[in-house]
Each structure stands twice: as C-alpha cells, then as structure tokens.
C-alpha cells in the first residue's frame, strides 16, 4: 500500500488515490471486527479465537481441495447439464 506496488506489479492505479487507500484500511478494520472482535465479544476470547481459527482452517482446506481438483488433476471430465449417458 505504501510503495504503490503489489510485489512486482505496479498498483499505482489502485493505491494512487487517497480514497482507495482509506477504503483499503477501513475494510481491514471492518473485517477484523466482524471476524474476530464480535465472536470474542459474544463467546468469550478463547472460544471466539477458536472459532476464528477453526473457520479459517476449514475454509482453507475446502479451497485447497477445490484448487487441486480444478487445476492440477488432468483429464477431469465434467457431466453436462441435461445430457444422458447415451451421448458418448
């Protein structure tokens, strides 16, 4: 955000505006509040952080599995909607 670069990509179009940088940080704060602060407030700190970690581990596992199925495995055949088994 501060260097106007995303790794090797020039991100000046995204971070050149003060409004875009402000929106970036506001969204970070809002996300932290609803994902960490609210569960800790309603369930206690230890249970809230446990829910946060469990949710991230579960979502990460599902996303990793979907990525492997869709990008790594070759020769995957998907069924066609409305197709029957006689159309080979």
Protein backbone atom coordinates (compact mmCIF):
# COMPACT_ATOMS: atom_id res chain seq x y z
CA UNK A 1 0.00 0.00 0.00
CA UNK A 2 2.75 2.45 0.88
CA UNK A 3 5.01 1.74 -2.12
CA UNK A 4 2.17 1.62 -4.69
CA UNK A 5 3.33 -1.85 -5.73
CA UNK A 6 1.96 -5.36 -5.26
CA UNK A 7 5.11 -7.45 -5.32
CA UNK A 8 6.33 -6.85 -8.90
CA UNK A 9 3.06 -5.34 -10.21
CA UNK A 10 2.63 -1.59 -10.39
CA UNK A 11 -0.51 -0.86 -8.35
CA UNK A 12 -0.47 2.92 -8.67
CA UNK A 13 -3.94 2.84 -10.25
CA UNK A 14 -5.29 1.20 -7.06
CA UNK A 15 -3.23 2.92 -4.39
CA UNK A 16 -2.60 6.27 -6.07
CA UNK A 17 -5.79 7.76 -4.68
CA UNK A 18 -6.13 8.67 -1.00
CA UNK A 19 -9.74 7.41 -1.13
CA UNK A 20 -8.64 3.94 -2.29
CA UNK A 21 -6.01 3.69 0.46
CA UNK A 22 -8.54 4.85 3.05
CA UNK A 23 -11.11 2.35 1.76
CA UNK A 24 -8.49 -0.42 1.97
CA UNK A 25 -7.76 0.28 5.65
CA UNK A 26 -11.43 0.78 6.55
CA UNK A 27 -12.30 -2.61 5.05
CA UNK A 28 -9.43 -4.21 7.00
CA UNK A 29 -10.85 -2.79 10.25
CA UNK A 30 -14.42 -3.83 9.43
CA UNK A 31 -13.30 -7.34 8.51
CA UNK A 32 -11.31 -7.70 11.73
CA UNK A 33 -14.28 -6.52 13.77
CA UNK A 34 -16.81 -8.97 12.36
CA UNK A 35 -14.42 -11.92 12.11
CA UNK A 36 -12.52 -11.59 15.41
CA UNK A 37 -13.97 -8.95 17.72
CA UNK A 38 -17.65 -9.90 17.51
CA UNK A 39 -17.11 -13.65 18.11
CA UNK A 40 -14.81 -12.84 21.03
CA UNK A 41 -17.40 -10.43 22.44
CA UNK A 42 -20.32 -12.88 22.21
CA UNK A 43 -18.50 -16.14 23.05
CA UNK A 44 -15.51 -15.07 25.13
CA UNK A 45 -11.93 -14.58 23.99
CA UNK A 46 -10.79 -18.22 23.96
CA UNK A 47 -13.91 -19.58 22.23
CA UNK A 48 -14.03 -16.62 19.82
CA UNK A 49 -10.41 -17.11 18.75
CA UNK A 50 -11.00 -20.87 18.50
CA UNK A 51 -13.97 -20.24 16.18
CA UNK A 52 -11.84 -17.86 14.11
CA UNK A 53 -9.01 -20.37 13.71
CA UNK A 54 -11.38 -23.29 13.07
CA UNK A 55 -13.25 -21.32 10.42
CA UNK A 56 -10.04 -20.34 8.64
CA UNK A 57 -8.65 -23.87 8.75
CA UNK A 58 -11.90 -25.31 7.39
CA UNK A 59 -12.22 -22.73 4.61
CA UNK A 60 -8.55 -23.16 3.70
CA UNK A 61 -8.93 -26.92 3.43
CA UNK A 62 -12.02 -26.61 1.21
CA UNK A 63 -10.38 -24.01 -1.04
CA UNK A 64 -7.18 -26.06 -1.32
CA UNK A 65 -9.17 -29.17 -2.24
CA UNK A 66 -11.17 -27.31 -4.90
CA UNK A 67 -7.98 -25.79 -6.32
CA UNK A 68 -6.35 -29.20 -6.65
CA UNK A 69 -9.41 -30.73 -8.30
CA UNK A 70 -9.82 -27.86 -10.77
CA UNK A 71 -6.21 -27.01 -11.62
CA UNK A 72 -3.89 -29.93 -11.01
CA UNK A 73 -5.70 -33.12 -11.96
CA UNK A 74 -5.56 -33.69 -15.70
CA UNK A 75 -8.24 -35.38 -17.74
CA UNK A 76 -11.15 -34.50 -15.49
CA UNK A 77 -14.47 -34.89 -17.32
CA UNK A 78 -17.46 -32.93 -16.09
CA UNK A 79 -21.04 -34.01 -16.67
CA UNK A 80 -23.16 -31.87 -18.97
CA UNK A 81 -26.40 -30.46 -17.68
CA UNK A 82 -29.34 -32.23 -19.25
CA UNK A 83 -27.12 -34.77 -21.01
CA UNK A 84 -27.74 -38.50 -20.85
CA UNK A 85 -25.30 -41.37 -20.64
CA UNK A 86 -26.02 -42.48 -24.23
CA UNK A 87 -24.23 -39.41 -25.65
CA UNK A 88 -20.66 -40.72 -25.54
